C-alpha atoms as a PDB file:
ATOM      1  CA  UNK A   1       1.132 -62.302  10.422  1.00  0.00           C
ATOM      2  CA  UNK A   2      -0.518 -63.313   7.214  1.00  0.00           C
ATOM      3  CA  UNK A   3      -3.955 -61.779   7.539  1.00  0.00           C
ATOM      4  CA  UNK A   4      -5.494 -64.021   4.885  1.00  0.00           C
ATOM      5  CA  UNK A   5      -4.352 -67.135   6.761  1.00  0.00           C
ATOM      6  CA  UNK A   6      -5.994 -65.862   9.936  1.00  0.00           C
ATOM      7  CA  UNK A   7      -9.244 -65.285   8.098  1.00  0.00           C
ATOM      8  CA  UNK A   8      -9.091 -68.643   6.355  1.00  0.00           C
ATOM      9  CA  UNK A   9      -8.935 -70.232   9.778  1.00  0.00           C
ATOM     10  CA  UNK A  10     -11.555 -68.187  11.608  1.00  0.00           C
ATOM     11  CA  UNK A  11     -13.937 -66.290   9.343  1.00  0.00           C
ATOM     12  CA  UNK A  12     -16.146 -66.417   6.296  1.00  0.00           C
ATOM     13  CA  UNK A  13     -17.759 -69.770   7.037  1.00  0.00           C
ATOM     14  CA  UNK A  14     -20.812 -71.062   8.777  1.00  0.00           C
ATOM     15  CA  UNK A  15     -19.600 -73.035  11.763  1.00  0.00           C
ATOM     16  CA  UNK A  16     -21.654 -75.646  13.517  1.00  0.00           C
ATOM     17  CA  UNK A  17     -20.923 -76.877  17.018  1.00  0.00           C
ATOM     18  CA  UNK A  18     -17.393 -78.069  17.606  1.00  0.00           C
ATOM     19  CA  UNK A  19     -16.879 -81.362  19.447  1.00  0.00           C
ATOM     20  CA  UNK A  20     -15.128 -81.192  22.767  1.00  0.00           C
ATOM     21  CA  UNK A  21     -16.136 -77.641  23.683  1.00  0.00           C
ATOM     22  CA  UNK A  22     -18.666 -76.517  26.254  1.00  0.00           C
ATOM     23  CA  UNK A  23     -21.946 -75.373  24.718  1.00  0.00           C
ATOM     24  CA  UNK A  24     -23.506 -71.997  25.498  1.00  0.00           C
ATOM     25  CA  UNK A  25     -26.658 -73.804  26.593  1.00  0.00           C
ATOM     26  CA  UNK A  26     -28.461 -77.072  25.920  1.00  0.00           C
ATOM     27  CA  UNK A  27     -29.885 -75.796  22.631  1.00  0.00           C
ATOM     28  CA  UNK A  28     -27.390 -74.587  20.036  1.00  0.00           C
ATOM     29  CA  UNK A  29     -27.384 -70.826  19.542  1.00  0.00           C
ATOM     30  CA  UNK A  30     -27.368 -69.396  16.057  1.00  0.00           C
ATOM     31  CA  UNK A  31     -25.371 -66.210  15.726  1.00  0.00           C
ATOM     32  CA  UNK A  32     -24.674 -63.914  12.796  1.00  0.00           C
ATOM     33  CA  UNK A  33     -21.490 -61.855  13.035  1.00  0.00           C
ATOM     34  CA  UNK A  34     -21.355 -58.839  10.749  1.00  0.00           C
ATOM     35  CA  UNK A  35     -17.832 -58.122   9.587  1.00  0.00           C
ATOM     36  CA  UNK A  36     -14.842 -60.388   9.095  1.00  0.00           C
ATOM     37  CA  UNK A  37     -12.048 -58.145  10.279  1.00  0.00           C
ATOM     38  CA  UNK A  38     -10.027 -58.956  13.349  1.00  0.00           C
ATOM     39  CA  UNK A  39     -12.869 -58.181  15.766  1.00  0.00           C
ATOM     40  CA  UNK A  40     -15.571 -60.059  13.849  1.00  0.00           C
ATOM     41  CA  UNK A  41     -13.277 -63.013  13.213  1.00  0.00           C
ATOM     42  CA  UNK A  42     -12.349 -63.239  16.876  1.00  0.00           C
ATOM     43  CA  UNK A  43     -15.970 -63.039  17.992  1.00  0.00           C
ATOM     44  CA  UNK A  44     -16.975 -65.737  15.491  1.00  0.00           C
ATOM     45  CA  UNK A  45     -14.116 -68.018  16.505  1.00  0.00           C
ATOM     46  CA  UNK A  46     -14.760 -67.771  20.238  1.00  0.00           C
ATOM     47  CA  UNK A  47     -18.523 -68.211  19.884  1.00  0.00           C
ATOM     48  CA  UNK A  48     -17.989 -71.288  17.703  1.00  0.00           C
ATOM     49  CA  UNK A  49     -15.597 -72.723  20.292  1.00  0.00           C
ATOM     50  CA  UNK A  50     -18.397 -72.404  22.833  1.00  0.00           C
ATOM     51  CA  UNK A  51     -20.812 -74.296  20.628  1.00  0.00           C
ATOM     52  CA  UNK A  52     -22.643 -71.589  18.715  1.00  0.00           C
ATOM     53  CA  UNK A  53     -23.584 -72.014  15.079  1.00  0.00           C
ATOM     54  CA  UNK A  54     -21.909 -68.949  13.591  1.00  0.00           C
ATOM     55  CA  UNK A  55     -22.393 -67.318  10.213  1.00  0.00           C
ATOM     56  CA  UNK A  56     -20.057 -64.473   9.276  1.00  0.00           C
ATOM     57  CA  UNK A  57     -21.271 -61.827   6.816  1.00  0.00           C
ATOM     58  CA  UNK A  58     -18.896 -59.409   5.132  1.00  0.00           C
ATOM     59  CA  UNK A  59     -19.774 -56.548   2.788  1.00  0.00           C
ATOM     60  CA  UNK A  60     -16.342 -56.484   1.149  1.00  0.00           C
ATOM     61  CA  UNK A  61     -13.479 -58.972   1.199  1.00  0.00           C
ATOM     62  CA  UNK A  62     -12.311 -60.421   4.535  1.00  0.00           C
ATOM     63  CA  UNK A  63     -10.123 -57.999   6.510  1.00  0.00           C
ATOM     64  CA  UNK A  64     -10.837 -55.164   4.080  1.00  0.00           C
ATOM     65  CA  UNK A  65     -11.852 -52.495   6.620  1.00  0.00           C
ATOM     66  CA  UNK A  66      -9.815 -51.214   9.559  1.00  0.00           C
ATOM     67  CA  UNK A  67      -7.964 -54.538   9.827  1.00  0.00           C
ATOM     68  CA  UNK A  68      -6.430 -54.036   6.371  1.00  0.00           C
ATOM     69  CA  UNK A  69      -4.948 -50.710   7.485  1.00  0.00           C
ATOM     70  CA  UNK A  70      -3.250 -52.056  10.634  1.00  0.00           C
ATOM     71  CA  UNK A  71      -0.079 -53.490   9.055  1.00  0.00           C
ATOM     72  CA  UNK A  72      -0.930 -56.531  11.238  1.00  0.00           C
ATOM     73  CA  UNK A  73       1.310 -55.014  13.907  1.00  0.00           C
ATOM     74  CA  UNK A  74       0.528 -56.514  17.301  1.00  0.00           C
ATOM     75  CA  UNK A  75       2.133 -54.276  19.897  1.00  0.00           C
ATOM     76  CA  UNK A  76       1.980 -52.376  23.156  1.00  0.00           C
ATOM     77  CA  UNK A  77       4.843 -50.061  22.252  1.00  0.00           C
ATOM     78  CA  UNK A  78       6.174 -47.086  24.188  1.00  0.00           C
ATOM     79  CA  UNK A  79       3.625 -44.520  23.046  1.00  0.00           C
ATOM     80  CA  UNK A  80       0.573 -46.425  24.274  1.00  0.00           C
ATOM     81  CA  UNK A  81      -1.201 -44.350  26.902  1.00  0.00           C
ATOM     82  CA  UNK A  82      -3.132 -43.884  29.079  1.00  0.00           C
ATOM     83  CA  UNK A  83      -2.756 -47.080  31.073  1.00  0.00           C
ATOM     84  CA  UNK A  84      -6.084 -48.619  30.038  1.00  0.00           C
ATOM     85  CA  UNK A  85      -5.165 -48.241  26.343  1.00  0.00           C
ATOM     86  CA  UNK A  86      -1.719 -49.729  26.948  1.00  0.00           C
ATOM     87  CA  UNK A  87      -3.305 -52.574  28.935  1.00  0.00           C
ATOM     88  CA  UNK A  88      -5.787 -53.317  26.131  1.00  0.00           C
ATOM     89  CA  UNK A  89      -2.913 -53.556  23.649  1.00  0.00           C
ATOM     90  CA  UNK A  90      -0.799 -55.668  26.012  1.00  0.00           C
ATOM     91  CA  UNK A  91      -3.635 -58.107  26.670  1.00  0.00           C
ATOM     92  CA  UNK A  92      -4.331 -58.282  22.930  1.00  0.00           C
ATOM     93  CA  UNK A  93      -0.706 -59.222  22.247  1.00  0.00           C
ATOM     94  CA  UNK A  94      -0.849 -61.902  24.944  1.00  0.00           C
ATOM     95  CA  UNK A  95      -4.137 -63.188  23.493  1.00  0.00           C
ATOM     96  CA  UNK A  96      -2.464 -63.570  20.093  1.00  0.00           C
ATOM     97  CA  UNK A  97       0.287 -65.644  21.686  1.00  0.00           C
ATOM     98  CA  UNK A  98      -2.336 -67.843  23.337  1.00  0.00           C
ATOM     99  CA  UNK A  99      -4.280 -68.182  20.080  1.00  0.00           C
ATOM    100  CA  UNK A 100      -1.117 -68.987  18.162  1.00  0.00           C
ATOM    101  CA  UNK A 101      -0.342 -71.826  20.581  1.00  0.00           C
ATOM    102  CA  UNK A 102      -3.957 -72.990  20.460  1.00  0.00           C
ATOM    103  CA  UNK A 103      -3.971 -73.393  16.672  1.00  0.00           C
ATOM    104  CA  UNK A 104      -0.495 -74.891  16.447  1.00  0.00           C
ATOM    105  CA  UNK A 105       1.342 -72.048  14.730  1.00  0.00           C
ATOM    106  CA  UNK A 106      -1.164 -71.684  11.894  1.00  0.00           C
ATOM    107  CA  UNK A 107      -1.290 -67.898  12.329  1.00  0.00           C
ATOM    108  CA  UNK A 108       2.321 -67.557  11.207  1.00  0.00           C
ATOM    109  CA  UNK A 109       2.917 -64.550  13.462  1.00  0.00           C
ATOM    110  CA  UNK A 110       6.387 -63.045  13.213  1.00  0.00           C
ATOM    111  CA  UNK A 111       7.267 -61.757  16.675  1.00  0.00           C
ATOM    112  CA  UNK A 112      10.016 -59.338  15.736  1.00  0.00           C
ATOM    113  CA  UNK A 113       9.766 -56.794  18.515  1.00  0.00           C
ATOM    114  CA  UNK A 114       9.681 -53.030  18.197  1.00  0.00           C
ATOM    115  CA  UNK A 115      12.490 -50.529  17.788  1.00  0.00           C
ATOM    116  CA  UNK A 116      11.635 -46.859  18.284  1.00  0.00           C
ATOM    117  CA  UNK A 117      13.987 -43.916  18.129  1.00  0.00           C
ATOM    118  CA  UNK A 118      14.031 -40.156  18.330  1.00  0.00           C
ATOM    119  CA  UNK A 119      16.131 -37.688  16.380  1.00  0.00           C
ATOM    120  CA  UNK A 120      14.873 -34.463  18.003  1.00  0.00           C
ATOM    121  CA  UNK A 121      15.527 -33.409  21.620  1.00  0.00           C
ATOM    122  CA  UNK A 122      11.854 -33.097  22.632  1.00  0.00           C
ATOM    123  CA  UNK A 123      10.983 -36.426  20.974  1.00  0.00           C
ATOM    124  CA  UNK A 124      13.897 -38.049  22.834  1.00  0.00           C
ATOM    125  CA  UNK A 125      12.612 -36.734  26.171  1.00  0.00           C
ATOM    126  CA  UNK A 126       9.123 -38.029  25.349  1.00  0.00           C
ATOM    127  CA  UNK A 127      10.453 -41.453  24.355  1.00  0.00           C
ATOM    128  CA  UNK A 128      12.477 -41.728  27.575  1.00  0.00           C
ATOM    129  CA  UNK A 129       9.435 -40.767  29.684  1.00  0.00           C
ATOM    130  CA  UNK A 130       7.290 -43.302  27.829  1.00  0.00           C
ATOM    131  CA  UNK A 131       9.829 -46.070  28.416  1.00  0.00           C
ATOM    132  CA  UNK A 132      10.082 -45.305  32.150  1.00  0.00           C
ATOM    133  CA  UNK A 133       6.274 -45.296  32.400  1.00  0.00           C
ATOM    134  CA  UNK A 134       5.920 -48.630  30.599  1.00  0.00           C
ATOM    135  CA  UNK A 135       8.675 -50.202  32.673  1.00  0.00           C
ATOM    136  CA  UNK A 136       6.710 -49.147  35.768  1.00  0.00           C
ATOM    137  CA  UNK A 137       3.690 -50.907  34.241  1.00  0.00           C
ATOM    138  CA  UNK A 138       5.799 -54.082  33.879  1.00  0.00           C
ATOM    139  CA  UNK A 139       6.327 -53.946  30.118  1.00  0.00           C
ATOM    140  CA  UNK A 140       9.539 -55.565  28.807  1.00  0.00           C
ATOM    141  CA  UNK A 141      11.008 -52.427  27.195  1.00  0.00           C
ATOM    142  CA  UNK A 142      14.476 -50.900  27.489  1.00  0.00           C
ATOM    143  CA  UNK A 143      16.329 -47.787  26.434  1.00  0.00           C
ATOM    144  CA  UNK A 144      19.263 -48.884  24.289  1.00  0.00           C
ATOM    145  CA  UNK A 145      22.514 -47.330  23.131  1.00  0.00           C
ATOM    146  CA  UNK A 146      24.086 -47.005  19.695  1.00  0.00           C
ATOM    147  CA  UNK A 147      25.707 -50.463  19.739  1.00  0.00           C
ATOM    148  CA  UNK A 148      22.424 -52.261  20.454  1.00  0.00           C
ATOM    149  CA  UNK A 149      20.567 -50.042  17.968  1.00  0.00           C
ATOM    150  CA  UNK A 150      23.053 -50.897  15.205  1.00  0.00           C
ATOM    151  CA  UNK A 151      23.030 -54.596  16.113  1.00  0.00           C
ATOM    152  CA  UNK A 152      19.221 -54.737  15.899  1.00  0.00           C
ATOM    153  CA  UNK A 153      19.031 -52.876  12.582  1.00  0.00           C
ATOM    154  CA  UNK A 154      22.459 -52.974  10.914  1.00  0.00           C
ATOM    155  CA  UNK A 155      21.104 -51.730   7.584  1.00  0.00           C
ATOM    156  CA  UNK A 156      19.268 -48.738   9.043  1.00  0.00           C
ATOM    157  CA  UNK A 157      20.917 -45.358   8.616  1.00  0.00           C
ATOM    158  CA  UNK A 158      18.647 -42.648  10.061  1.00  0.00           C
ATOM    159  CA  UNK A 159      20.791 -39.900   8.512  1.00  0.00           C
ATOM    160  CA  UNK A 160      20.949 -37.862  11.725  1.00  0.00           C
ATOM    161  CA  UNK A 161      22.139 -38.746  15.224  1.00  0.00           C
ATOM    162  CA  UNK A 162      19.732 -40.893  17.228  1.00  0.00           C
ATOM    163  CA  UNK A 163      19.222 -39.139  20.562  1.00  0.00           C
ATOM    164  CA  UNK A 164      17.183 -41.918  22.203  1.00  0.00           C
ATOM    165  CA  UNK A 165      16.159 -45.437  21.243  1.00  0.00           C
ATOM    166  CA  UNK A 166      13.950 -48.064  22.840  1.00  0.00           C
ATOM    167  CA  UNK A 167      13.565 -51.769  22.182  1.00  0.00           C
ATOM    168  CA  UNK A 168      10.869 -54.188  23.252  1.00  0.00           C
ATOM    169  CA  UNK A 169      10.888 -57.874  22.418  1.00  0.00           C
ATOM    170  CA  UNK A 170       7.136 -57.847  21.906  1.00  0.00           C
END
């Protein structure tokens, strides 16, 4: 995802009521959101959709705090645990898909999936356990063999044998 494009769409501006959306109450609410990272931008966007007049304040540049360190990776990959943390990440990924559809592709999200692998025996056991756990939670993740691994990343040469690999489309 291009973080700047997201912020251009949703943060750094004072937003008055938007036509066609239900108001919070009869009188417009004025709200100041401090911070224009992913959380502040989302709060500002959703409040504006509900009719609030929103002003976003940012100390630095948009997305310069924790958001700038995230690699913009939206995922609920195999290592997410316990369940409530996995669920938060899964719902966040689904919310991005909904938002992307809502704004007509303006977010420019690249849904490339996630490939994880292990080169050590203990790491391989952990990865396999994580995959089984997430499959039980309903996550679309699979253990894959060498052929699928090489097909997904033909240019990747780990340098040592891959003992376990997992792929999720999300």
